[in-house]
N, C-alpha and C. Protein backbone atom coordinates (compact mmCIF):
# COMPACT_ATOMS: atom_id res chain seq x y z
N MET A 1 135.68 77.08 108.44
CA MET A 1 134.75 75.99 108.47
C MET A 1 133.57 76.35 107.59
N ASN A 2 133.25 75.49 106.67
CA ASN A 2 132.12 75.69 105.77
C ASN A 2 130.91 74.94 106.29
N LEU A 3 129.87 75.70 106.59
CA LEU A 3 128.62 75.09 107.03
C LEU A 3 127.71 74.85 105.84
N PRO A 4 126.92 73.81 105.92
CA PRO A 4 125.99 73.58 104.80
C PRO A 4 124.94 74.69 104.74
N ILE A 5 124.57 75.05 103.55
CA ILE A 5 123.58 76.11 103.35
C ILE A 5 122.23 75.46 103.08
N ALA A 6 121.25 75.88 103.85
CA ALA A 6 119.91 75.33 103.68
C ALA A 6 119.25 75.96 102.46
N PRO A 7 118.42 75.20 101.80
CA PRO A 7 117.71 75.79 100.66
C PRO A 7 116.74 76.87 101.17
N PRO A 8 116.43 77.84 100.34
CA PRO A 8 115.52 78.90 100.80
C PRO A 8 114.14 78.33 101.13
N ALA A 9 113.57 78.88 102.17
CA ALA A 9 112.22 78.45 102.57
C ALA A 9 111.22 78.98 101.56
N PHE A 10 110.05 78.40 101.57
CA PHE A 10 109.00 78.84 100.65
C PHE A 10 108.57 80.26 101.00
N ASP A 11 108.54 81.13 100.03
CA ASP A 11 108.17 82.52 100.22
C ASP A 11 106.86 82.78 99.50
N ALA A 12 105.81 83.00 100.26
CA ALA A 12 104.48 83.20 99.67
C ALA A 12 104.30 84.59 99.09
N THR A 13 105.24 85.48 99.32
CA THR A 13 105.09 86.84 98.79
C THR A 13 105.56 86.96 97.35
N THR A 14 106.12 85.91 96.82
CA THR A 14 106.56 85.94 95.43
C THR A 14 105.84 84.85 94.66
N GLY A 15 105.93 84.91 93.37
CA GLY A 15 105.30 83.89 92.56
C GLY A 15 103.99 84.36 91.95
N PRO A 16 103.37 83.49 91.18
CA PRO A 16 102.17 83.90 90.45
C PRO A 16 100.95 84.15 91.35
N ARG A 17 100.85 83.51 92.49
CA ARG A 17 99.68 83.67 93.35
C ARG A 17 99.68 85.01 94.09
N ARG A 18 100.81 85.68 94.21
CA ARG A 18 100.88 86.94 94.95
C ARG A 18 100.06 88.01 94.24
N GLN A 19 100.05 88.03 92.93
CA GLN A 19 99.33 89.05 92.20
C GLN A 19 97.81 88.81 92.20
N ASP A 20 97.37 87.62 92.55
CA ASP A 20 95.95 87.32 92.58
C ASP A 20 95.23 87.99 93.74
N ARG A 21 95.93 88.24 94.82
CA ARG A 21 95.30 88.79 96.01
C ARG A 21 95.33 90.30 95.98
N ALA A 22 94.26 90.93 96.49
CA ALA A 22 94.18 92.39 96.51
C ALA A 22 95.21 92.96 97.49
N ASP A 23 95.65 94.18 97.23
CA ASP A 23 96.57 94.87 98.10
C ASP A 23 95.90 95.09 99.45
N LEU A 24 96.61 94.81 100.52
CA LEU A 24 96.01 94.86 101.85
C LEU A 24 95.55 96.26 102.23
N GLY A 25 96.34 97.28 101.90
CA GLY A 25 95.96 98.65 102.23
C GLY A 25 94.69 99.07 101.51
N ALA A 26 94.61 98.77 100.23
CA ALA A 26 93.41 99.10 99.46
C ALA A 26 92.22 98.28 99.96
N ASP A 27 92.47 97.05 100.32
CA ASP A 27 91.41 96.19 100.83
C ASP A 27 90.82 96.77 102.12
N ILE A 28 91.66 97.18 103.04
CA ILE A 28 91.19 97.76 104.30
C ILE A 28 90.46 99.07 104.04
N GLY A 29 91.01 99.91 103.18
CA GLY A 29 90.37 101.19 102.87
C GLY A 29 89.01 101.04 102.24
N ILE A 30 88.91 100.17 101.25
CA ILE A 30 87.63 99.97 100.58
C ILE A 30 86.63 99.31 101.51
N GLY A 31 87.08 98.33 102.28
CA GLY A 31 86.16 97.66 103.21
C GLY A 31 85.59 98.61 104.25
N CYS A 32 86.44 99.45 104.81
CA CYS A 32 85.97 100.42 105.81
C CYS A 32 85.09 101.49 105.18
N ALA A 33 85.46 101.98 104.01
CA ALA A 33 84.67 103.03 103.34
C ALA A 33 83.29 102.51 102.96
N LEU A 34 83.22 101.33 102.39
CA LEU A 34 81.91 100.77 102.02
C LEU A 34 81.03 100.54 103.25
N ALA A 35 81.62 99.99 104.30
CA ALA A 35 80.84 99.75 105.52
C ALA A 35 80.34 101.07 106.10
N PHE A 36 81.19 102.10 106.12
CA PHE A 36 80.78 103.40 106.63
C PHE A 36 79.64 103.99 105.80
N LEU A 37 79.78 103.95 104.49
CA LEU A 37 78.74 104.52 103.63
C LEU A 37 77.42 103.77 103.74
N GLU A 38 77.48 102.45 103.84
CA GLU A 38 76.24 101.68 103.94
C GLU A 38 75.57 101.88 105.30
N ILE A 39 76.35 101.96 106.36
CA ILE A 39 75.76 102.20 107.68
C ILE A 39 75.22 103.62 107.76
N ALA A 40 75.89 104.57 107.12
CA ALA A 40 75.36 105.94 107.06
C ALA A 40 74.05 105.98 106.28
N ALA A 41 73.96 105.23 105.19
CA ALA A 41 72.71 105.18 104.43
C ALA A 41 71.59 104.56 105.27
N LEU A 42 71.92 103.51 106.04
CA LEU A 42 70.91 102.92 106.93
C LEU A 42 70.45 103.93 107.98
N ALA A 43 71.38 104.70 108.51
CA ALA A 43 71.02 105.72 109.51
C ALA A 43 70.12 106.79 108.90
N VAL A 44 70.39 107.17 107.66
CA VAL A 44 69.55 108.17 106.99
C VAL A 44 68.14 107.63 106.79
N VAL A 45 68.03 106.39 106.35
CA VAL A 45 66.71 105.79 106.12
C VAL A 45 65.93 105.71 107.43
N VAL A 46 66.56 105.24 108.49
CA VAL A 46 65.89 105.14 109.79
C VAL A 46 65.54 106.53 110.31
N GLY A 47 66.43 107.49 110.11
CA GLY A 47 66.16 108.87 110.53
C GLY A 47 64.98 109.48 109.79
N LEU A 48 64.90 109.24 108.48
CA LEU A 48 63.76 109.75 107.71
C LEU A 48 62.45 109.13 108.18
N TRP A 49 62.48 107.83 108.48
CA TRP A 49 61.27 107.19 109.00
C TRP A 49 60.88 107.80 110.34
N PHE A 50 61.86 108.03 111.22
CA PHE A 50 61.58 108.62 112.52
C PHE A 50 61.00 110.02 112.36
N LEU A 51 61.56 110.81 111.47
CA LEU A 51 61.07 112.17 111.26
C LEU A 51 59.68 112.21 110.64
N SER A 52 59.27 111.13 109.97
CA SER A 52 57.93 111.11 109.39
C SER A 52 56.84 111.11 110.47
N GLY A 53 57.17 110.67 111.66
CA GLY A 53 56.20 110.64 112.75
C GLY A 53 56.50 111.64 113.84
N PHE A 54 57.40 112.57 113.57
CA PHE A 54 57.82 113.55 114.58
C PHE A 54 57.06 114.85 114.37
N ASN A 55 56.48 115.37 115.44
CA ASN A 55 55.75 116.63 115.37
C ASN A 55 55.87 117.34 116.71
N LEU A 56 56.05 118.65 116.68
CA LEU A 56 56.19 119.42 117.92
C LEU A 56 54.86 119.94 118.45
N ASP A 57 53.79 119.74 117.72
CA ASP A 57 52.47 120.21 118.15
C ASP A 57 51.87 119.18 119.11
N PRO A 58 51.71 119.53 120.40
CA PRO A 58 51.21 118.54 121.35
C PRO A 58 49.73 118.21 121.15
N ALA A 59 49.00 119.05 120.44
CA ALA A 59 47.58 118.78 120.24
C ALA A 59 47.34 117.85 119.06
N LYS A 60 48.34 117.59 118.28
CA LYS A 60 48.18 116.78 117.08
C LYS A 60 48.90 115.45 117.25
N THR A 61 48.23 114.38 116.97
CA THR A 61 48.83 113.05 117.01
C THR A 61 49.24 112.68 115.60
N VAL A 62 50.51 112.39 115.44
CA VAL A 62 51.04 112.05 114.12
C VAL A 62 51.55 110.62 114.18
N ARG A 63 51.12 109.83 113.22
CA ARG A 63 51.60 108.46 113.12
C ARG A 63 52.72 108.40 112.10
N PRO A 64 53.76 107.65 112.36
CA PRO A 64 54.85 107.55 111.38
C PRO A 64 54.37 106.83 110.11
N ASP A 65 55.09 107.04 109.03
CA ASP A 65 54.77 106.37 107.77
C ASP A 65 54.89 104.86 107.93
N SER A 66 54.28 104.16 107.00
CA SER A 66 54.43 102.72 106.96
C SER A 66 55.89 102.37 106.65
N LEU A 67 56.36 101.30 107.22
CA LEU A 67 57.77 100.91 107.05
C LEU A 67 58.05 100.23 105.71
N TRP A 68 57.04 99.83 104.98
CA TRP A 68 57.26 99.01 103.79
C TRP A 68 58.15 99.70 102.77
N GLY A 69 57.94 100.97 102.50
CA GLY A 69 58.78 101.69 101.54
C GLY A 69 60.22 101.83 102.02
N TYR A 70 60.36 102.09 103.31
CA TYR A 70 61.71 102.22 103.89
C TYR A 70 62.43 100.88 103.89
N LEU A 71 61.68 99.80 104.11
CA LEU A 71 62.31 98.48 104.10
C LEU A 71 62.77 98.10 102.70
N ALA A 72 62.09 98.60 101.67
CA ALA A 72 62.55 98.34 100.30
C ALA A 72 63.90 99.00 100.06
N VAL A 73 64.08 100.22 100.57
CA VAL A 73 65.37 100.90 100.43
C VAL A 73 66.46 100.17 101.21
N VAL A 74 66.12 99.72 102.40
CA VAL A 74 67.09 98.95 103.21
C VAL A 74 67.46 97.65 102.49
N GLY A 75 66.48 97.02 101.84
CA GLY A 75 66.77 95.82 101.06
C GLY A 75 67.72 96.10 99.90
N GLY A 76 67.58 97.28 99.29
CA GLY A 76 68.51 97.67 98.23
C GLY A 76 69.93 97.83 98.76
N ILE A 77 70.05 98.40 99.95
CA ILE A 77 71.38 98.52 100.57
C ILE A 77 71.95 97.14 100.85
N GLY A 78 71.10 96.23 101.31
CA GLY A 78 71.55 94.86 101.56
C GLY A 78 71.98 94.14 100.29
N ALA A 79 71.24 94.36 99.20
CA ALA A 79 71.61 93.75 97.92
C ALA A 79 72.97 94.29 97.45
N PHE A 80 73.19 95.59 97.65
CA PHE A 80 74.48 96.18 97.31
C PHE A 80 75.59 95.53 98.12
N ALA A 81 75.35 95.30 99.41
CA ALA A 81 76.37 94.67 100.26
C ALA A 81 76.67 93.25 99.81
N VAL A 82 75.65 92.51 99.40
CA VAL A 82 75.87 91.14 98.95
C VAL A 82 76.67 91.12 97.65
N VAL A 83 76.35 92.03 96.72
CA VAL A 83 77.10 92.11 95.47
C VAL A 83 78.55 92.52 95.74
N ALA A 84 78.74 93.48 96.64
CA ALA A 84 80.10 93.89 96.99
C ALA A 84 80.88 92.74 97.64
N THR A 85 80.20 91.91 98.42
CA THR A 85 80.85 90.75 99.03
C THR A 85 81.30 89.77 97.96
N ALA A 86 80.46 89.53 96.96
CA ALA A 86 80.82 88.59 95.90
C ALA A 86 82.00 89.12 95.08
N ILE A 87 81.98 90.41 94.77
CA ILE A 87 83.08 90.99 93.99
C ILE A 87 84.38 90.96 94.80
N ALA A 88 84.29 91.27 96.10
CA ALA A 88 85.49 91.25 96.94
C ALA A 88 86.03 89.83 97.11
N ALA A 89 85.14 88.86 97.19
CA ALA A 89 85.60 87.48 97.32
C ALA A 89 86.33 87.04 96.05
N ARG A 90 85.82 87.48 94.92
CA ARG A 90 86.49 87.13 93.66
C ARG A 90 87.86 87.79 93.55
N ALA A 91 87.99 89.00 94.11
CA ALA A 91 89.27 89.71 94.09
C ALA A 91 90.18 89.29 95.24
N ARG A 92 89.71 88.39 96.08
CA ARG A 92 90.44 87.91 97.26
C ARG A 92 90.77 89.05 98.21
N ALA A 93 89.82 89.94 98.40
CA ALA A 93 89.95 91.05 99.33
C ALA A 93 89.22 90.64 100.61
N PHE A 94 89.92 89.97 101.48
CA PHE A 94 89.29 89.32 102.62
C PHE A 94 88.72 90.31 103.64
N VAL A 95 89.36 91.45 103.85
CA VAL A 95 88.84 92.44 104.80
C VAL A 95 87.51 92.99 104.30
N THR A 96 87.42 93.26 103.01
CA THR A 96 86.17 93.76 102.43
C THR A 96 85.09 92.70 102.51
N VAL A 97 85.44 91.46 102.29
CA VAL A 97 84.46 90.37 102.40
C VAL A 97 83.89 90.34 103.81
N VAL A 98 84.74 90.42 104.81
CA VAL A 98 84.26 90.37 106.19
C VAL A 98 83.39 91.58 106.52
N SER A 99 83.84 92.77 106.13
CA SER A 99 83.05 93.98 106.46
C SER A 99 81.71 93.97 105.75
N GLN A 100 81.67 93.54 104.51
CA GLN A 100 80.41 93.51 103.78
C GLN A 100 79.48 92.40 104.28
N THR A 101 80.06 91.32 104.77
CA THR A 101 79.25 90.27 105.38
C THR A 101 78.60 90.79 106.66
N VAL A 102 79.34 91.55 107.45
CA VAL A 102 78.79 92.14 108.68
C VAL A 102 77.67 93.12 108.33
N VAL A 103 77.87 93.94 107.30
CA VAL A 103 76.82 94.88 106.89
C VAL A 103 75.59 94.12 106.39
N ALA A 104 75.79 93.06 105.62
CA ALA A 104 74.66 92.27 105.12
C ALA A 104 73.88 91.64 106.28
N LEU A 105 74.59 91.17 107.30
CA LEU A 105 73.90 90.62 108.48
C LEU A 105 73.14 91.71 109.23
N LEU A 106 73.73 92.90 109.35
CA LEU A 106 73.05 94.02 110.00
C LEU A 106 71.79 94.41 109.23
N VAL A 107 71.88 94.45 107.91
CA VAL A 107 70.72 94.78 107.09
C VAL A 107 69.65 93.69 107.25
N SER A 108 70.07 92.44 107.33
CA SER A 108 69.11 91.36 107.53
C SER A 108 68.36 91.51 108.85
N LEU A 109 69.09 91.89 109.90
CA LEU A 109 68.44 92.12 111.19
C LEU A 109 67.46 93.29 111.13
N VAL A 110 67.85 94.37 110.45
CA VAL A 110 66.96 95.53 110.33
C VAL A 110 65.73 95.15 109.52
N LEU A 111 65.91 94.40 108.44
CA LEU A 111 64.77 93.98 107.64
C LEU A 111 63.83 93.08 108.43
N PHE A 112 64.38 92.13 109.16
CA PHE A 112 63.54 91.23 109.95
C PHE A 112 62.78 91.99 111.04
N GLY A 113 63.50 92.87 111.75
CA GLY A 113 62.84 93.66 112.80
C GLY A 113 61.77 94.59 112.24
N GLY A 114 62.07 95.25 111.11
CA GLY A 114 61.10 96.14 110.49
C GLY A 114 59.90 95.39 109.97
N TYR A 115 60.13 94.24 109.35
CA TYR A 115 59.02 93.42 108.86
C TYR A 115 58.13 92.98 110.01
N THR A 116 58.74 92.54 111.09
CA THR A 116 57.96 92.08 112.25
C THR A 116 57.16 93.23 112.85
N ALA A 117 57.79 94.38 113.02
CA ALA A 117 57.10 95.52 113.62
C ALA A 117 55.95 96.00 112.74
N GLN A 118 56.18 96.11 111.44
CA GLN A 118 55.13 96.60 110.56
C GLN A 118 54.01 95.58 110.41
N SER A 119 54.33 94.31 110.41
CA SER A 119 53.29 93.28 110.34
C SER A 119 52.40 93.32 111.58
N GLN A 120 53.01 93.50 112.75
CA GLN A 120 52.21 93.61 113.97
C GLN A 120 51.36 94.87 113.95
N GLU A 121 51.90 95.96 113.45
CA GLU A 121 51.14 97.21 113.36
C GLU A 121 49.97 97.06 112.39
N ASP A 122 50.22 96.40 111.27
CA ASP A 122 49.14 96.19 110.30
C ASP A 122 48.07 95.29 110.88
N ALA A 123 48.45 94.24 111.61
CA ALA A 123 47.47 93.35 112.24
C ALA A 123 46.68 94.09 113.30
N HIS A 124 47.34 94.96 114.05
CA HIS A 124 46.66 95.74 115.08
C HIS A 124 45.66 96.70 114.45
N CYS A 125 46.04 97.31 113.34
CA CYS A 125 45.14 98.25 112.67
C CYS A 125 43.97 97.53 112.02
N ASP A 126 44.17 96.27 111.61
CA ASP A 126 43.06 95.51 111.02
C ASP A 126 42.03 95.14 112.08
N THR A 127 42.49 94.83 113.29
CA THR A 127 41.56 94.40 114.33
C THR A 127 40.94 95.59 115.06
N ALA A 128 41.66 96.68 115.20
CA ALA A 128 41.14 97.86 115.90
C ALA A 128 41.30 99.07 114.99
N ALA A 129 40.47 99.16 113.98
CA ALA A 129 40.61 100.21 112.97
C ALA A 129 40.41 101.60 113.57
N SER A 130 39.63 101.71 114.63
CA SER A 130 39.41 103.02 115.22
C SER A 130 40.66 103.56 115.91
N ALA A 131 41.58 102.68 116.30
CA ALA A 131 42.81 103.12 116.97
C ALA A 131 43.86 103.59 115.97
N CYS A 132 43.68 103.30 114.69
CA CYS A 132 44.70 103.60 113.70
C CYS A 132 44.28 104.65 112.69
N HIS A 133 43.22 105.39 112.96
CA HIS A 133 42.82 106.41 111.99
C HIS A 133 43.79 107.59 112.04
N ASP A 134 43.79 108.38 110.98
CA ASP A 134 44.80 109.43 110.83
C ASP A 134 44.46 110.73 111.54
N GLY A 135 43.23 111.00 111.83
CA GLY A 135 42.88 112.29 112.42
C GLY A 135 41.96 112.10 113.61
N PRO A 136 41.60 113.21 114.26
CA PRO A 136 40.69 113.11 115.40
C PRO A 136 39.30 112.70 114.93
N SER A 137 38.59 112.01 115.79
CA SER A 137 37.26 111.56 115.42
C SER A 137 36.31 112.76 115.37
N ARG A 138 35.42 112.72 114.41
CA ARG A 138 34.45 113.81 114.24
C ARG A 138 33.06 113.23 114.46
N ARG A 139 32.38 113.72 115.49
CA ARG A 139 31.04 113.23 115.80
C ARG A 139 30.06 114.32 115.67
């Protein structure tokens, strides 16, 4: 008995559009590596800011550095993430696009929080200048 043969179903893994999309393994590797490196860079920047105000001498009061310089570096990391997102979107590397979008959102939150904290600190120092001086008062 001869049964009718159905035509082959559409196969998306062949044809001209298959070569347009990035390899999934490379996409996952690059997306994870970039996210790891950018989050590590954010941790280093935050750690350096924390160490700027860290002192083991209990008699000395040390104020941390202003956040503005550190926020500029964080903004650079965010700009890198946005550029990487655009390049990955053009290469159709969807995993990298998602990971870089998450990193860009994280950087945006850090920038907003740092801006808010430093603005409040600057406003506090403008209104109560005696509370924000760098050394002990000398009378």
